[in-house]
Protein backbone atom coordinates (compact mmCIF):
# COMPACT_ATOMS: atom_id res chain seq x y z
CA MET A 1 70.85 97.88 -3.66
CA ASN A 2 71.52 94.94 -1.00
CA ASN A 3 67.43 94.85 -0.04
CA VAL A 4 66.58 94.89 -3.64
CA ASP A 5 68.71 91.73 -4.43
CA GLY A 6 67.43 90.32 -1.26
CA VAL A 7 63.63 90.97 -2.02
CA THR A 8 64.44 89.65 -5.81
CA GLN A 9 65.91 86.60 -4.46
CA LEU A 10 63.07 85.83 -2.22
CA LEU A 11 60.47 86.63 -5.03
CA PHE A 12 62.50 83.92 -7.10
CA MET A 13 62.50 81.15 -4.52
CA LEU A 14 58.95 81.82 -4.13
CA LEU A 15 58.11 81.83 -7.68
CA ILE A 16 60.26 78.36 -7.76
CA GLY A 17 58.09 77.08 -5.16
CA MET A 18 55.11 77.71 -6.81
CA ILE A 19 56.06 76.11 -10.33
CA SER A 20 57.20 73.22 -8.39
CA ILE A 21 53.78 72.89 -6.47
CA LEU A 22 51.83 73.52 -9.79
CA VAL A 23 54.34 70.59 -11.63
CA ILE A 24 53.01 68.22 -8.33
CA LEU A 25 49.60 69.06 -9.18
CA VAL A 26 49.90 68.52 -12.57
CA PHE A 27 51.35 65.27 -12.22
CA VAL A 28 48.59 64.15 -9.59
CA TYR A 29 45.94 65.22 -11.69
CA PHE A 30 47.02 63.08 -14.64
CA ILE A 31 47.71 59.96 -12.05
CA LEU A 32 44.08 60.52 -10.99
CA LEU A 33 42.42 60.92 -14.70
CA ILE A 34 44.63 57.53 -15.50
CA ARG A 35 42.81 55.79 -12.82
CA ASN A 36 39.39 56.62 -13.28
CA ARG A 37 40.22 55.51 -16.95
CA LYS A 38 41.43 52.19 -15.92
CA ASN A 39 38.35 51.90 -13.54
CA LYS A 40 35.90 52.55 -16.42
CA LYS A 41 37.48 49.65 -18.48
CA ASP A 42 37.22 47.34 -15.55
CA ASN A 43 33.79 48.26 -15.13
CA GLN A 44 32.84 47.81 -18.25
CA LYS A 45 34.66 44.55 -18.82
CA GLU A 46 32.60 43.28 -15.46
CA LEU A 47 29.42 44.66 -17.35
CA SER A 48 30.08 42.66 -20.32
CA LYS A 49 31.01 39.43 -18.64
CA ASN A 50 27.88 39.92 -16.16
CA LYS A 51 26.07 40.17 -19.44
CA ASP A 52 27.75 36.93 -21.32
CA ILE A 53 26.84 34.86 -17.74
CA LYS A 54 23.36 36.20 -18.13
CA THR A 55 23.40 34.91 -21.88
CA ASP A 56 24.79 31.77 -21.03
CA ILE A 57 22.23 30.77 -18.32
CA GLU A 58 19.13 31.90 -20.63
CA ASN A 59 20.77 29.72 -23.26
CA SER A 60 21.53 26.94 -21.07
CA LYS A 61 17.84 27.03 -19.60
CA THR A 62 16.64 27.23 -23.32
CA LYS A 63 18.93 24.60 -23.96
CA THR A 64 17.58 22.40 -21.10
CA TYR A 65 13.91 23.26 -21.89
CA LYS A 66 14.64 21.80 -25.49
CA GLU A 67 16.29 19.17 -24.85
CA TYR A 68 13.52 17.64 -22.05
CA THR A 69 11.25 16.86 -24.97
CA LYS A 70 9.35 13.42 -25.24
CA GLN A 71 11.57 12.61 -28.35
CA SER A 72 14.72 13.28 -26.20
CA ILE A 73 13.39 10.91 -23.63
CA PHE A 74 12.95 8.47 -26.05
CA ASP A 75 16.35 9.04 -27.40
CA PHE A 76 17.48 8.50 -23.92
CA MET A 77 16.32 5.40 -23.61
CA GLU A 78 18.44 2.62 -25.02
CA PHE A 79 15.54 0.43 -25.87
CA GLU A 80 12.80 0.81 -28.29
CA LYS A 81 9.98 -1.24 -26.94
CA ILE A 82 8.84 -4.38 -25.51
CA GLU A 83 7.25 -7.23 -26.97
CA ASP A 84 7.38 -11.09 -27.01
CA ASN A 85 8.73 -11.20 -23.82
CA MET A 86 11.72 -9.41 -25.25
CA ILE A 87 13.40 -6.04 -24.97
CA ILE A 88 13.84 -4.88 -28.37
CA GLN A 89 16.87 -2.28 -28.55
CA LYS A 90 17.82 0.37 -31.49
CA ASN A 91 20.97 -1.53 -32.39
CA ASN A 92 18.92 -4.41 -34.03
CA LYS A 93 19.63 -6.46 -30.23
CA TYR A 94 17.03 -8.39 -28.61
CA LEU A 95 17.16 -9.22 -24.91
CA MET A 96 15.31 -12.02 -22.81
CA ALA A 97 15.64 -11.83 -18.80
CA ILE A 98 15.20 -14.96 -16.70
CA GLU A 99 14.14 -14.24 -13.09
CA CYS A 100 15.89 -16.45 -10.49
CA GLN A 101 14.79 -17.75 -7.17
CA GLY A 102 17.86 -17.54 -4.58
CA ILE A 103 18.72 -20.02 -2.07
CA ASN A 104 20.01 -19.65 1.37
CA TYR A 105 23.37 -21.63 0.77
CA ASP A 106 24.49 -20.89 4.74
CA LEU A 107 21.23 -23.03 5.90
CA MET A 108 22.30 -26.36 3.86
CA SER A 109 24.20 -29.35 4.64
CA GLU A 110 27.39 -30.00 3.42
CA MET A 111 26.34 -32.73 1.15
CA GLU A 112 23.91 -30.00 -0.34
CA GLN A 113 26.34 -27.39 -0.45
CA VAL A 114 28.53 -29.73 -2.65
CA SER A 115 25.72 -30.54 -5.05
CA VAL A 116 24.74 -27.03 -5.55
CA GLU A 117 28.69 -26.25 -6.44
CA GLN A 118 28.81 -29.11 -8.48
CA GLY A 119 25.49 -27.95 -10.56
CA PHE A 120 26.85 -24.40 -10.74
CA MET A 121 30.22 -25.48 -12.16
CA GLN A 122 27.84 -27.75 -14.76
CA PHE A 123 26.00 -24.49 -15.35
CA LEU A 124 29.05 -22.65 -16.24
CA ASN A 125 30.43 -25.45 -18.38
CA SER A 126 27.36 -25.73 -20.43
CA LEU A 127 27.56 -22.17 -21.54
CA ARG A 128 28.37 -21.32 -25.11
CA PHE A 129 26.76 -17.73 -25.46
CA PRO A 130 27.89 -14.80 -23.38
CA ILE A 131 25.41 -13.83 -20.51
CA GLN A 132 24.70 -10.91 -17.92
CA LEU A 133 23.98 -11.41 -14.23
CA TYR A 134 21.80 -8.66 -12.92
CA ILE A 135 21.04 -7.71 -9.57
CA GLN A 136 18.17 -5.42 -8.24
CA THR A 137 17.22 -4.10 -5.23
CA ARG A 138 13.82 -3.38 -4.28
CA THR A 139 11.58 -2.01 -1.41
CA ILE A 140 9.13 -4.08 -0.09
CA ASN A 141 5.64 -2.81 -0.63
CA LEU A 142 3.57 -4.17 2.46
CA GLN A 143 0.32 -2.02 1.68
CA SER A 144 -1.27 -4.75 -0.62
CA SER A 145 -0.74 -7.30 1.90
CA ILE A 146 -2.04 -5.36 4.65
CA ASN A 147 -5.02 -4.50 2.41
CA GLY A 148 -5.62 -8.19 1.94
CA TYR A 149 -5.23 -8.86 5.47
CA LYS A 150 -7.81 -6.20 6.17
CA ASP A 151 -10.13 -7.68 3.97
CA LYS A 152 -10.19 -11.18 5.67
CA LEU A 153 -10.45 -9.13 9.18
CA THR A 154 -13.70 -7.90 8.11
CA ALA A 155 -15.15 -11.15 7.08
CA ILE A 156 -13.74 -12.88 10.02
CA GLU A 157 -15.38 -9.95 12.67
CA ASN A 158 -18.67 -10.15 10.86
CA ARG A 159 -18.81 -14.21 11.32
CA TYR A 160 -17.42 -13.39 15.18
CA ARG A 161 -20.35 -10.98 15.60
CA ASN A 162 -22.90 -13.40 14.19
CA MET A 163 -21.71 -16.26 16.36
CA GLN A 164 -21.63 -13.97 19.64
CA THR A 165 -25.57 -12.93 18.69
CA GLU A 166 -26.47 -16.52 18.26
CA TYR A 167 -24.51 -17.37 21.37
CA ASN A 168 -26.71 -14.74 23.28
CA ASP A 169 -30.01 -15.84 21.82
CA MET A 170 -29.37 -19.41 23.12
CA LEU A 171 -28.77 -18.11 26.49
CA LYS A 172 -31.62 -15.79 26.68
CA MET A 173 -34.01 -18.91 25.12
CA GLY A 174 -33.00 -21.50 27.80
CA SER A 175 -33.93 -24.63 26.19
CA TYR A 176 -30.52 -25.99 24.64
CA THR A 177 -28.60 -28.58 26.97
CA LYS A 178 -25.36 -27.92 28.30
CA LYS A 179 -23.25 -30.03 25.81
CA GLU A 180 -24.60 -28.03 23.01
CA MET A 181 -23.97 -24.45 24.44
CA GLN A 182 -20.48 -25.77 25.14
CA LYS A 183 -19.98 -26.72 21.43
CA VAL A 184 -21.32 -23.01 20.37
CA TYR A 185 -19.11 -21.70 23.09
CA TYR A 186 -15.99 -23.27 21.65
CA GLU A 187 -16.99 -22.46 18.26
CA LEU A 188 -17.11 -18.92 19.26
CA ILE A 189 -13.84 -18.74 21.43
CA LYS A 190 -12.26 -20.13 18.59
CA GLN A 191 -13.23 -17.71 16.24
CA LYS A 192 -12.34 -14.77 18.71
CA ASN A 193 -8.99 -16.13 19.18
CA LEU A 194 -8.93 -15.86 14.94
CA TYR A 195 -10.15 -12.49 14.75
CA GLU A 196 -7.56 -11.28 17.53
CA TYR A 197 -4.65 -13.32 15.82
CA THR A 198 -5.41 -11.52 12.33
CA LEU A 199 -5.72 -8.23 13.78
CA ASP A 200 -2.27 -8.65 15.56
CA ILE A 201 -0.69 -9.64 12.10
CA ILE A 202 -2.39 -6.48 10.77
CA ASN A 203 -0.62 -4.59 13.52
CA ASN A 204 3.07 -6.24 13.08
CA THR A 205 2.50 -5.94 9.31
CA GLU A 206 1.95 -2.13 9.46
CA ARG A 207 4.69 -1.57 11.77
CA MET A 208 6.74 -3.64 9.53
CA SER A 209 5.61 -1.00 6.53
CA LEU A 210 7.08 1.94 8.65
CA ASN A 211 10.47 0.70 8.25
CA HIS A 212 11.79 1.86 4.70
CA ASN A 213 15.03 -0.36 5.04
CA VAL A 214 12.92 -3.49 3.85
CA LEU A 215 14.48 -4.44 1.05
CA ASN A 216 14.51 -7.72 -1.46
CA LYS A 217 16.67 -8.68 -3.66
CA LYS A 218 15.66 -9.63 -7.62
CA TYR A 219 18.25 -12.07 -9.37
CA TYR A 220 18.34 -11.91 -13.21
CA ILE A 221 19.99 -13.67 -16.18
CA ILE A 222 20.03 -11.73 -19.33
CA ILE A 223 20.69 -13.25 -22.45
CA CYS A 224 21.20 -11.26 -26.02
CA TYR A 225 20.65 -11.87 -29.66
CA ASP A 226 22.40 -9.84 -32.15
CA SER A 227 20.55 -9.48 -35.76
CA VAL A 228 23.55 -8.04 -37.56
CA GLU A 229 24.56 -11.03 -38.93
CA LEU A 230 20.91 -11.05 -40.52
CA GLU A 231 21.28 -7.56 -42.04
CA ALA A 232 23.02 -9.25 -45.36
CA ASN A 233 19.83 -11.41 -45.71
CA SER A 234 16.57 -10.08 -46.91
CA TYR A 235 14.36 -10.69 -43.96
CA SER A 236 11.85 -8.39 -43.04
CA LYS A 237 11.27 -6.97 -39.63
CA ASP A 238 8.70 -9.38 -38.32
CA GLU A 239 11.02 -12.55 -39.42
CA LYS A 240 13.92 -11.17 -37.57
CA GLN A 241 11.85 -10.56 -34.56
CA ASN A 242 10.45 -14.28 -35.07
CA MET A 243 13.99 -15.74 -35.39
CA ALA A 244 15.53 -13.70 -32.38
CA PHE A 245 12.67 -14.89 -30.01
CA SER A 246 13.23 -18.52 -31.17
CA GLU A 247 16.86 -18.03 -30.58
CA LEU A 248 16.45 -16.53 -26.88
CA TYR A 249 13.73 -19.05 -26.04
CA THR A 250 15.99 -22.01 -26.68
CA LYS A 251 18.74 -20.39 -24.88
CA ALA A 252 17.07 -19.80 -22.08
CA GLN A 253 15.14 -23.20 -21.76
CA SER A 254 18.77 -24.60 -21.96
CA ILE A 255 19.61 -22.27 -19.14
CA ILE A 256 16.57 -23.22 -16.84
CA ARG A 257 17.34 -26.90 -17.22
CA THR A 258 20.97 -26.42 -16.05
CA LEU A 259 19.91 -24.11 -13.15
CA VAL A 260 17.92 -26.83 -11.93
CA SER A 261 20.94 -28.80 -10.58
CA CYS A 262 21.73 -26.09 -8.58
CA GLU A 263 18.45 -26.43 -7.16
CA ILE A 264 17.11 -22.86 -8.30
CA THR A 265 13.87 -22.33 -9.82
CA SER A 266 13.63 -19.64 -12.59
CA LYS A 267 11.50 -18.64 -15.22
CA ILE A 268 11.31 -16.35 -18.00
CA LEU A 269 9.72 -12.68 -17.72
CA ASN A 270 7.02 -11.91 -19.82
CA SER A 271 6.14 -8.39 -21.32
CA GLU A 272 5.02 -7.31 -17.80
CA GLY A 273 7.68 -8.13 -15.71
CA LEU A 274 10.16 -6.55 -18.19
CA ALA A 275 8.23 -3.47 -18.21
CA GLU A 276 8.32 -3.30 -13.98
CA LEU A 277 11.99 -4.35 -14.35
CA LEU A 278 12.77 -1.33 -16.33
CA TYR A 279 10.50 0.67 -14.26
CA ASN A 280 12.29 0.01 -11.51
CA ALA A 281 15.47 0.43 -13.04
CA TYR A 282 14.65 4.01 -14.66
CA ASN A 283 12.53 5.30 -11.52
CA ARG A 284 14.38 4.08 -8.12
CA GLU A 285 12.91 6.72 -6.02
CA ASP A 286 9.59 7.00 -7.59
CA ALA A 287 8.98 3.20 -7.70
CA ASP A 288 8.23 3.08 -3.76
CA THR A 289 5.11 5.35 -3.78
CA LEU A 290 3.86 4.51 -7.68
CA SER A 291 4.09 0.96 -8.35
CA ILE A 292 3.95 0.01 -12.04
CA GLU A 293 0.74 -2.25 -11.13
CA LYS A 294 -0.56 1.21 -9.87
CA ALA A 295 0.68 3.10 -12.75
CA PHE A 296 -1.26 0.32 -15.21
CA GLN A 297 -4.49 0.59 -13.72
CA SER A 298 -4.91 4.26 -13.28
CA GLY A 299 -3.45 4.65 -16.76
CA TYR A 300 -0.63 7.15 -14.74
CA GLU A 301 -3.58 9.32 -13.98
CA ASP A 302 -1.91 9.51 -10.19
CA LEU A 303 0.89 11.73 -11.67
CA TYR A 304 -1.55 14.56 -12.63
CA SER A 305 -3.99 14.31 -9.53
CA THR A 306 -5.65 17.46 -8.51
CA ALA A 307 -7.62 18.52 -4.94
CA PRO A 308 -11.04 18.00 -6.27
CA ASP A 309 -10.24 14.29 -7.33
CA VAL A 310 -8.91 13.72 -4.06
CA LEU A 311 -12.44 15.35 -2.37
CA ASN A 312 -14.51 13.01 -4.56
CA LYS A 313 -12.24 10.24 -3.43
CA LYS A 314 -12.80 10.93 0.42
CA MET A 315 -16.33 11.65 -0.49
CA ASP A 316 -17.14 7.96 -1.83
CA LEU A 317 -14.78 6.40 1.36
CA LEU A 318 -17.07 8.29 4.02
CA ASN A 319 -20.31 7.08 1.80
CA LYS A 320 -19.22 3.57 1.77
CA GLU A 321 -18.26 3.94 5.26
CA ILE A 322 -21.97 5.43 6.33
CA GLU A 323 -23.64 2.75 4.65
CA GLN A 324 -21.81 -0.19 5.91
CA LYS A 325 -22.10 1.27 9.63
CA ALA A 326 -25.53 2.05 9.05
CA GLN A 327 -26.37 -1.74 7.51
CA GLU A 328 -24.62 -2.80 10.45
CA LEU A 329 -26.77 -0.78 12.93
CA ALA A 330 -29.66 -1.64 11.20
CA GLN A 331 -28.68 -5.22 11.77
CA GLU A 332 -28.28 -5.22 15.43
CA LYS A 333 -31.41 -3.39 16.09
CA VAL A 334 -33.67 -5.65 14.00
CA GLU A 335 -31.88 -8.46 16.11
CA GLU A 336 -32.68 -6.67 19.09
CA VAL A 337 -36.02 -6.26 18.37
CA ARG A 338 -36.61 -9.86 17.39
CA ASN A 339 -34.86 -11.29 20.85
CA GLU A 340 -37.25 -8.80 22.70
CA LYS A 341 -40.57 -10.50 21.03
CA GLU A 342 -39.16 -13.74 21.30
CA MET A 343 -38.69 -12.99 24.99
CA LYS A 344 -42.24 -11.77 25.24
CA ILE A 345 -43.72 -14.50 24.01
CA PHE A 346 -41.30 -16.89 25.86
CA GLU A 347 -43.15 -14.95 28.82
CA LYS A 348 -46.71 -15.30 27.54
CA GLU A 349 -45.97 -19.02 27.08
CA GLU A 350 -44.65 -19.09 30.51
CA ASN A 351 -47.81 -17.62 32.02
CA ILE A 352 -50.48 -18.62 29.92
CA GLU A 353 -52.57 -19.93 32.01
CA ASP A 354 -52.52 -16.85 34.58
CA LEU A 355 -53.29 -14.80 31.98
CA ILE A 356 -55.98 -16.78 30.77
CA THR A 357 -57.60 -16.89 34.55
CA GLU A 358 -57.17 -12.89 34.99
CA LEU A 359 -58.81 -12.72 31.83
CA ALA A 360 -61.74 -15.15 32.83
CA GLN A 361 -62.03 -13.15 35.82
CA ASP A 362 -62.23 -9.72 34.41
CA LEU A 363 -65.08 -11.13 31.83
CA ILE A 364 -67.07 -12.29 34.62
CA ARG A 365 -66.88 -9.07 36.68
CA GLU A 366 -67.50 -6.92 33.72
CA ASN A 367 -70.78 -9.07 33.07
CA SER A 368 -71.84 -9.47 36.90
CA ARG A 369 -74.94 -7.41 36.38
CA TYR A 370 -76.28 -10.04 33.42
CA ILE A 371 -75.41 -13.28 35.49
CA GLY A 372 -75.95 -11.83 38.94
CA LYS A 373 -73.65 -11.14 41.43
CA ASP A 374 -73.74 -14.36 43.45
CA VAL A 375 -73.01 -16.23 40.59
CA ALA A 376 -70.28 -14.08 39.59
CA ASP A 377 -68.40 -14.41 42.85
CA GLU A 378 -68.92 -18.03 43.11
CA ALA A 379 -67.83 -18.54 39.68
CA ILE A 380 -64.76 -16.03 40.39
CA ILE A 381 -63.85 -18.45 43.61
CA LYS A 382 -64.02 -21.87 41.96
CA ILE A 383 -61.25 -19.91 39.28
CA GLN A 384 -59.01 -19.38 41.76
CA GLU A 385 -59.50 -22.80 43.58
CA ASP A 386 -58.79 -24.52 40.31
CA LYS A 387 -55.47 -22.13 39.67
CA GLU A 388 -54.14 -23.09 43.10
CA ASN A 389 -54.88 -26.57 42.74
CA SER A 390 -53.13 -26.37 38.87
CA LYS A 391 -50.57 -24.38 40.44
CA GLY A 392 -49.57 -27.27 42.92
CA GLY A 393 -49.42 -29.82 40.46
CA ASN A 394 -47.18 -27.40 38.16
CA GLU A 395 -45.12 -26.75 40.91
CA ASP A 396 -44.52 -30.74 41.41
CA GLU A 397 -43.76 -31.15 37.79
CA LYS A 398 -41.16 -28.44 37.86
CA GLU A 399 -39.29 -29.92 41.15
CA LYS A 400 -39.41 -33.17 38.96
CA ASN A 401 -37.67 -31.43 36.02
CA LYS A 402 -35.37 -29.64 37.88
CA THR A 403 -33.98 -33.05 39.32
CA ARG A 404 -34.15 -34.65 36.20
CA ARG A 405 -31.78 -31.62 34.67
CA GLY A 406 -29.85 -31.76 37.42
CA ARG A 407 -28.60 -35.34 37.34
CA PRO A 408 -26.41 -34.72 34.37
CA ARG A 409 -24.69 -32.08 35.98
CA ARG A 410 -23.63 -33.73 38.50
CA ASN A 411 -22.36 -36.65 36.64
C-alpha cells in the first residue's frame, strides 16, 4: 500500500508540473499574439504616415508648379508697369526716382565740408513731403570698356604698321634728308609708345575684371504720389497719370535744385533707367552675367541659347578673323612686291649707263658679220674707252656729292 501511495503521489506531482508548464506556454502564446498585433498596428500606422507624406510632397510639388506661372510672377511684382519715367504700382501709387552722384566728403577742406553740411540742412528743412533713400550696390562690368579699348588698339596698331612700312621704304630709297628721316622716326616712336600704352591699359583692365569684388554704389531718392484722393472725382486713368507725373516732376525738380547747394549733381531716371534699377533689384545674381542692355538688344534670346547657335556664332567669328588676316597678309605682300619693283627700278636707274654699253656691245657682236669684224672690234673698243672716261667723271661727281652731303652731318 505504501508503494501505491508513493506512485500516486509521484504521478500527481507530475500532473501538476505538466499543468503548470501548459499554463506558462498558454500565457507566453497570448503575450506573443498581443505583440504581433501591436507590431502590425504600428506598421500600418507607419505606412499610412508615409503615404500621407508622399501625398503631401506630391501636392506641394503640384502646388509650386501651379503657383509659379506667368500670372503669379506678375502678382509677385509690386508694380504694374513703367511708363513716363514713373513706376506705376497696383495700389494707385506712382513712384519717381532721382539718381544722385556721390561726393568724397573726406577729401574736402573744412570750409567745403561746412558748406556741404549747411546745404544738406537746407535740403532737409525744405522737404514738405516724404522721401525714401535707396542705395543699390552693383558689380562693375568692365567688359564693355575692354571691348572699346580693343577697338582703339586695332586702329592704333594699323596706323603703327603703316608708319613702320613707310619708314622702311624711306630707308630703302635713300633719297631723303636726315631731318626728314628724324621727323618720320619721331612719329613712328610716338605711335609705338601709344600702342604699348593702350595694350598695358587693356591688360590691367582685364586683370581687374577677374576680381569679382569690384563694386559700385548707386544712390537714389524715391518720391511717391498717391492718387487715392482723386478716386472721389471722375478722372480717367490717363488724367490721373498726367496729374501724378506733373506733381512728381515738380517735387523732383525742387529736390534737384536744393541738392546743388550740397554740391551733389542729380537727375531724374528715365524709363530705361528705372527698368535697370528694378532689374538689378530683382536679379542680383544674374545681373552680372546678363545685363539689361544685353537683354534689351537680344530680346532675352540669350536665356534660351542652344549649341547650334553658339557654333554659328563661333563660325562667324572665325570667318571674320580669317578675312581680316587675309586682308592684312595681302596688303603686306603687295607692299613687298611694290618695294621689290621700286628697288629694281632704282638699280636700273643707277646702272643705266652700264646696261646701255653692254647692250650696245652685244648688238655689235651679233651684227659683226654684216659690218665687218675689224669695224666691230674697233667700235667695241671705243665704247669701252668712253665708258671708262665717263666712269671717272661720275666718280668725281659722286665724291663731290658725298662731301656736300657730309657737311651738314658734321655740323
